[in-house]
């Protein structure tokens, strides 16, 4: 039985629509927080459909995943996390969502700093997250009892590794490898995107060093609410002093605050900074008691909204350096 020209045209149209739909199918990817979301977007480009769990200006230290988050993780082919026990809530989310895709720990291979920044030891990190996850799986019975503990404390290493541009270049390479693994047909695009972005990071790194070098080393002392800038301090030779530890959930004692106030006076620290994710009342108190001016707001653990000054990683780093240099130049 011969088919009419109209029928043949409809069949051809249907086949064309089907192949187009297949060609446009994007890889579902989940990133744990906004800074990682931007990096994944830079590498994945048009080939991915990205869900970011902790949004702009959100605090991943105290995040509580929603049912929609679990659904997104369930359907993801790739999950990208920071690692270094930054996302204390992630092991339970992965377990409850029955995630079966690939996972990238973006910080694998970096030169990780100990959580105590007074300790000069560094370790190349590529296995402690596995040990942490094994421990989490082994002790599932204790998750409910210690859920809040998982929120409040980090592990041995400082997780804020993205505040080093050198580390973020490693993040980008890890993301590129993960995307290539789940979507090999677009490997060449992921490699090209990663290379292009790393070249931008190289340029940014040089620019920021040139800016900070204008400030005498003896003046590069600043106060922030929580201890999120250890890697920045190491890379750019800026001393950061924080009343809180590496988690926003840690509480500074009156003695901690008094010691910082004394240090500000003795070292003539001229600027204190607020953060976009922190409770800044303590910083305001320190400013009042010492006369150190509030130099502005830094973006530590999250990007700004799209309308803000730090909606991408590169914008965030540039904005933070501009803000610090401006405050220390007066």
Protein backbone atom coordinates (compact mmCIF):
# COMPACT_ATOMS: atom_id res chain seq x y z
CA UNK A 1 0.00 0.00 0.00
CA UNK A 2 1.53 3.27 -1.07
CA UNK A 3 1.57 6.19 1.31
CA UNK A 4 0.27 9.57 0.26
CA UNK A 5 2.65 12.51 -0.01
CA UNK A 6 0.89 14.07 2.99
CA UNK A 7 1.43 10.98 5.11
CA UNK A 8 5.08 10.77 4.10
CA UNK A 9 5.52 14.42 4.99
CA UNK A 10 3.98 13.87 8.43
CA UNK A 11 6.20 10.84 9.05
CA UNK A 12 9.28 12.82 8.04
CA UNK A 13 8.20 15.71 10.24
CA UNK A 14 7.67 13.35 13.17
CA UNK A 15 11.08 11.76 12.70
CA UNK A 16 12.65 15.18 12.47
CA UNK A 17 10.98 16.34 15.67
CA UNK A 18 12.03 13.13 17.43
CA UNK A 19 15.67 13.47 16.42
CA UNK A 20 15.65 17.17 17.35
CA UNK A 21 14.23 16.35 20.78
CA UNK A 22 16.93 13.74 21.28
CA UNK A 23 19.62 16.15 20.14
CA UNK A 24 18.41 18.81 22.56
CA UNK A 25 18.18 16.52 25.59
CA UNK A 26 20.40 18.01 28.26
CA UNK A 27 22.37 16.19 30.93
CA UNK A 28 20.76 16.68 34.37
CA UNK A 29 23.44 17.91 36.78
CA UNK A 30 23.16 18.93 40.44
CA UNK A 31 25.67 21.23 42.16
CA UNK A 32 25.63 21.55 45.93
CA UNK A 33 25.94 25.35 46.22
CA UNK A 34 26.06 28.52 44.15
CA UNK A 35 29.82 28.85 43.62
CA UNK A 36 30.04 25.29 42.32
CA UNK A 37 26.92 25.92 40.25
CA UNK A 38 28.68 28.70 38.38
CA UNK A 39 31.77 26.57 37.74
CA UNK A 40 29.65 23.67 36.47
CA UNK A 41 27.73 26.06 34.22
CA UNK A 42 30.97 27.45 32.77
CA UNK A 43 32.16 23.97 31.79
CA UNK A 44 28.84 22.35 30.92
CA UNK A 45 27.47 25.21 28.85
CA UNK A 46 24.50 24.39 26.65
CA UNK A 47 24.78 20.65 27.16
CA UNK A 48 23.54 20.51 30.75
CA UNK A 49 20.41 21.19 32.76
CA UNK A 50 21.72 22.48 36.10
CA UNK A 51 20.08 22.45 39.52
CA UNK A 52 21.90 24.27 42.32
CA UNK A 53 20.77 23.24 45.80
CA UNK A 54 22.00 26.09 48.02
CA UNK A 55 21.14 29.23 46.09
CA UNK A 56 22.74 32.66 45.93
CA UNK A 57 23.39 34.20 49.35
CA UNK A 58 22.55 30.84 50.96
CA UNK A 59 24.57 29.32 53.80
CA UNK A 60 25.55 25.73 53.03
CA UNK A 61 26.81 25.27 56.59
CA UNK A 62 23.25 25.17 57.94
CA UNK A 63 21.29 24.08 54.87
CA UNK A 64 18.35 21.68 55.17
CA UNK A 65 17.54 19.91 51.88
CA UNK A 66 13.95 19.95 50.63
CA UNK A 67 11.93 17.18 48.95
CA UNK A 68 12.53 18.98 45.64
CA UNK A 69 16.28 18.72 46.25
CA UNK A 70 15.95 14.97 46.78
CA UNK A 71 13.99 14.69 43.55
CA UNK A 72 16.66 16.62 41.63
CA UNK A 73 19.42 14.39 43.03
CA UNK A 74 17.43 11.26 42.19
CA UNK A 75 17.27 12.21 38.52
CA UNK A 76 20.79 13.65 38.21
CA UNK A 77 23.36 11.91 36.07
CA UNK A 78 26.09 13.94 37.76
CA UNK A 79 26.31 15.33 41.30
CA UNK A 80 29.04 17.89 42.00
CA UNK A 81 29.99 18.58 45.63
CA UNK A 82 32.79 20.54 47.26
CA UNK A 83 33.94 17.78 49.58
CA UNK A 84 36.20 18.35 52.60
CA UNK A 85 33.05 17.70 54.67
CA UNK A 86 31.61 21.09 53.68
CA UNK A 87 28.16 19.67 52.92
CA UNK A 88 27.46 17.81 56.16
CA UNK A 89 23.90 17.15 55.01
CA UNK A 90 24.89 15.60 51.67
CA UNK A 91 25.44 11.91 52.64
CA UNK A 92 21.91 11.62 54.01
CA UNK A 93 20.46 13.40 50.96
CA UNK A 94 22.28 11.04 48.59
CA UNK A 95 21.08 8.03 50.55
CA UNK A 96 17.46 9.16 50.81
CA UNK A 97 17.27 10.07 47.11
CA UNK A 98 18.68 6.71 45.95
CA UNK A 99 21.16 8.54 43.75
CA UNK A 100 22.81 6.19 41.23
CA UNK A 101 24.66 8.67 39.01
CA UNK A 102 28.27 9.78 39.04
CA UNK A 103 29.63 12.06 41.76
CA UNK A 104 32.43 14.59 41.41
CA UNK A 105 34.19 15.87 44.53
CA UNK A 106 35.47 19.15 43.13
CA UNK A 107 38.22 19.56 45.73
CA UNK A 108 39.92 16.22 44.97
CA UNK A 109 43.64 16.79 44.42
CA UNK A 110 43.95 20.26 45.94
CA UNK A 111 46.55 21.28 48.51
CA UNK A 112 44.13 21.27 51.46
CA UNK A 113 44.74 23.35 54.54
CA UNK A 114 44.18 22.10 58.05
CA UNK A 115 41.13 23.58 59.74
CA UNK A 116 43.41 25.31 62.21
CA UNK A 117 45.14 27.98 60.13
CA UNK A 118 47.79 28.42 62.77
CA UNK A 119 49.03 25.01 61.66
CA UNK A 120 51.23 25.31 58.60
CA UNK A 121 50.79 21.70 57.52
CA UNK A 122 49.12 21.07 54.18
CA UNK A 123 47.97 17.85 52.62
CA UNK A 124 47.06 16.93 49.09
CA UNK A 125 43.44 15.89 49.52
CA UNK A 126 41.98 13.07 47.50
CA UNK A 127 40.71 10.45 49.92
CA UNK A 128 39.31 11.87 53.15
CA UNK A 129 35.88 12.39 51.62
CA UNK A 130 35.73 8.65 50.85
CA UNK A 131 36.57 7.85 54.44
CA UNK A 132 33.90 10.27 55.61
CA UNK A 133 31.28 8.71 53.38
CA UNK A 134 32.26 5.20 54.46
CA UNK A 135 31.89 6.30 58.07
CA UNK A 136 28.51 7.83 57.25
CA UNK A 137 27.29 4.62 55.63
CA UNK A 138 28.70 2.46 58.42
CA UNK A 139 26.94 4.51 61.09
CA UNK A 140 23.56 5.14 59.48
CA UNK A 141 21.88 4.31 62.78
CA UNK A 142 23.46 7.39 64.31
CA UNK A 143 22.49 9.89 61.58
CA UNK A 144 19.25 10.98 63.17
CA UNK A 145 20.85 11.44 66.57
CA UNK A 146 23.77 13.46 65.22
CA UNK A 147 22.16 15.34 62.32
CA UNK A 148 22.74 18.70 63.96
CA UNK A 149 26.35 17.78 64.67
CA UNK A 150 26.85 17.17 60.94
CA UNK A 151 25.66 20.71 60.29
CA UNK A 152 27.82 22.40 62.88
CA UNK A 153 31.31 21.05 62.40
CA UNK A 154 33.75 20.47 59.57
CA UNK A 155 36.41 17.82 59.52
CA UNK A 156 40.16 18.00 59.65
CA UNK A 157 40.50 20.30 56.64
CA UNK A 158 39.26 23.79 55.87
CA UNK A 159 36.57 23.30 53.20
CA UNK A 160 36.64 26.86 51.79
CA UNK A 161 39.11 25.89 49.09
CA UNK A 162 37.37 27.88 46.34
CA UNK A 163 38.84 31.07 47.83
CA UNK A 164 42.06 30.03 46.08
CA UNK A 165 42.02 30.53 42.32
CA UNK A 166 44.70 27.85 41.99
CA UNK A 167 42.34 25.38 43.67
CA UNK A 168 39.44 26.38 41.46
CA UNK A 169 41.46 25.46 38.39
CA UNK A 170 41.58 21.94 39.85
CA UNK A 171 37.83 22.13 40.57
CA UNK A 172 37.25 22.96 36.90
CA UNK A 173 39.34 20.02 35.69
CA UNK A 174 37.47 17.64 38.00
CA UNK A 175 34.13 18.95 36.75
CA UNK A 176 35.25 18.58 33.14
CA UNK A 177 36.25 14.95 33.74
CA UNK A 178 32.94 14.20 35.42
CA UNK A 179 30.89 15.71 32.63
CA UNK A 180 32.94 13.89 30.01
CA UNK A 181 32.33 10.61 31.82
CA UNK A 182 28.54 10.93 31.85
CA UNK A 183 28.31 12.60 28.42
CA UNK A 184 31.30 11.38 26.37
CA UNK A 185 29.91 12.57 23.05
CA UNK A 186 30.44 16.19 24.15
CA UNK A 187 33.88 15.67 25.70
CA UNK A 188 35.59 18.01 23.24
CA UNK A 189 33.22 20.84 24.19
CA UNK A 190 33.75 20.28 27.91
CA UNK A 191 37.52 20.26 27.44
CA UNK A 192 37.41 23.44 25.37
CA UNK A 193 35.12 25.19 27.87
CA UNK A 194 37.35 24.20 30.78
CA UNK A 195 40.49 25.39 29.01
CA UNK A 196 38.88 28.71 28.09
CA UNK A 197 37.69 29.27 31.66
CA UNK A 198 41.07 28.35 33.17
CA UNK A 199 42.68 30.93 30.89
CA UNK A 200 40.28 33.51 32.35
CA UNK A 201 41.28 32.39 35.84
CA UNK A 202 44.97 32.75 34.96
CA UNK A 203 44.35 36.34 33.89
CA UNK A 204 42.25 37.06 36.98
CA UNK A 205 44.94 35.68 39.27
CA UNK A 206 47.56 38.02 37.85
CA UNK A 207 45.24 41.03 38.08
CA UNK A 208 44.30 40.37 41.70
CA UNK A 209 47.90 39.86 42.80
CA UNK A 210 48.80 43.18 41.17
CA UNK A 211 45.99 44.92 43.08
CA UNK A 212 46.87 43.46 46.46
CA UNK A 213 50.58 44.12 45.97
CA UNK A 214 49.77 47.84 46.11
CA UNK A 215 49.00 47.44 49.82
CA UNK A 216 52.05 47.16 52.11
CA UNK A 217 52.22 43.68 53.66
CA UNK A 218 52.09 45.14 57.17
CA UNK A 219 48.67 46.68 56.43
CA UNK A 220 47.07 43.52 55.06
CA UNK A 221 45.11 42.61 58.19
CA UNK A 222 41.32 42.33 58.18
CA UNK A 223 38.54 40.98 60.40
CA UNK A 224 35.70 38.80 59.06
CA UNK A 225 32.84 37.05 60.91
CA UNK A 226 33.83 33.43 60.22
CA UNK A 227 37.06 31.79 59.15
CA UNK A 228 36.40 31.36 55.43
CA UNK A 229 39.43 33.02 53.88
CA UNK A 230 42.34 30.79 54.87
CA UNK A 231 43.14 29.84 51.28
CA UNK A 232 42.82 33.46 50.17
CA UNK A 233 45.20 34.39 52.98
CA UNK A 234 47.72 31.78 51.87
CA UNK A 235 47.61 32.84 48.21
CA UNK A 236 47.54 36.62 48.62
CA UNK A 237 49.42 37.13 51.90
CA UNK A 238 46.51 38.82 53.65
CA UNK A 239 45.94 38.09 57.35
CA UNK A 240 42.32 37.28 58.21
CA UNK A 241 41.13 37.24 61.82
CA UNK A 242 37.73 35.76 62.62
CA UNK A 243 35.83 35.37 65.90
CA UNK A 244 34.07 32.25 64.58
CA UNK A 245 35.67 29.08 63.26
CA UNK A 246 35.34 27.64 59.76
CA UNK A 247 31.59 27.07 60.19
CA UNK A 248 29.02 29.83 60.66
CA UNK A 249 27.39 27.58 63.26
CA UNK A 250 30.37 27.78 65.62
CA UNK A 251 29.97 30.38 68.33
CA UNK A 252 32.63 32.82 69.43
CA UNK A 253 33.03 33.20 73.18
CA UNK A 254 33.28 36.54 74.94
CA UNK A 255 36.97 35.78 75.47
CA UNK A 256 37.43 35.21 71.70
CA UNK A 257 35.85 38.57 70.91
CA UNK A 258 37.86 40.33 73.62
CA UNK A 259 41.08 38.84 72.26
CA UNK A 260 40.28 40.06 68.75
CA UNK A 261 39.46 43.54 70.04
CA UNK A 262 42.83 43.61 71.82
CA UNK A 263 44.58 42.39 68.66
CA UNK A 264 42.90 45.06 66.54
CA UNK A 265 44.15 47.75 68.89
CA UNK A 266 47.66 46.35 69.20
CA UNK A 267 48.10 45.68 65.47
CA UNK A 268 46.25 48.82 64.36
CA UNK A 269 43.82 46.87 62.17
CA UNK A 270 41.84 49.53 60.34
CA UNK A 271 39.04 47.58 58.64
CA UNK A 272 36.51 44.93 59.52
CA UNK A 273 34.24 43.24 56.98
CA UNK A 274 30.77 41.77 56.98
CA UNK A 275 29.83 38.66 54.96
CA UNK A 276 26.83 37.95 52.79
CA UNK A 277 25.98 34.72 54.64
CA UNK A 278 26.90 35.61 58.23
CA UNK A 279 25.25 37.19 61.25
CA UNK A 280 27.17 40.44 61.27
CA UNK A 281 26.14 41.79 64.68
CA UNK A 282 29.43 40.72 66.24
CA UNK A 283 31.39 42.56 63.55
CA UNK A 284 29.31 45.67 64.19
CA UNK A 285 30.07 45.37 67.92
CA UNK A 286 33.81 45.00 67.24
CA UNK A 287 33.72 48.03 64.94
CA UNK A 288 32.01 50.15 67.60
CA UNK A 289 34.42 49.13 70.36
CA UNK A 290 37.63 49.55 68.37
CA UNK A 291 36.85 52.33 65.95
CA UNK A 292 37.83 50.08 63.02
CA UNK A 293 35.63 50.98 60.10
CA UNK A 294 33.37 48.49 58.36
CA UNK A 295 35.06 48.15 54.99
CA UNK A 296 32.13 46.54 53.22
CA UNK A 297 30.62 43.12 52.67
CA UNK A 298 32.64 40.15 51.39
CA UNK A 299 31.22 37.13 49.60
CA UNK A 300 32.65 34.07 51.28
CA UNK A 301 30.55 30.92 50.82
CA UNK A 302 27.97 31.99 48.25
CA UNK A 303 27.52 34.17 45.20
CA UNK A 304 25.22 37.16 45.10
CA UNK A 305 21.94 37.17 43.21
CA UNK A 306 22.11 37.97 39.52
CA UNK A 307 21.38 41.62 40.35
CA UNK A 308 24.28 41.77 42.83
CA UNK A 309 27.99 42.48 42.35
CA UNK A 310 29.20 38.88 42.69
CA UNK A 311 26.89 36.65 40.68
CA UNK A 312 29.75 34.59 39.19
CA UNK A 313 32.94 33.19 40.71
CA UNK A 314 35.15 35.59 38.77
CA UNK A 315 32.99 38.56 39.77
CA UNK A 316 33.07 37.39 43.41
CA UNK A 317 36.86 37.20 43.57
CA UNK A 318 37.26 40.55 41.81
CA UNK A 319 34.69 42.21 44.07
CA UNK A 320 36.25 40.85 47.26
CA UNK A 321 39.73 42.04 46.30
CA UNK A 322 38.43 45.45 45.20
CA UNK A 323 36.57 45.82 48.51
CA UNK A 324 39.56 44.79 50.62
CA UNK A 325 42.03 46.98 48.72
CA UNK A 326 39.73 50.00 48.87
CA UNK A 327 39.27 49.65 52.64
CA UNK A 328 42.97 49.14 53.36
CA UNK A 329 44.09 52.00 51.11
CA UNK A 330 42.58 54.69 53.35
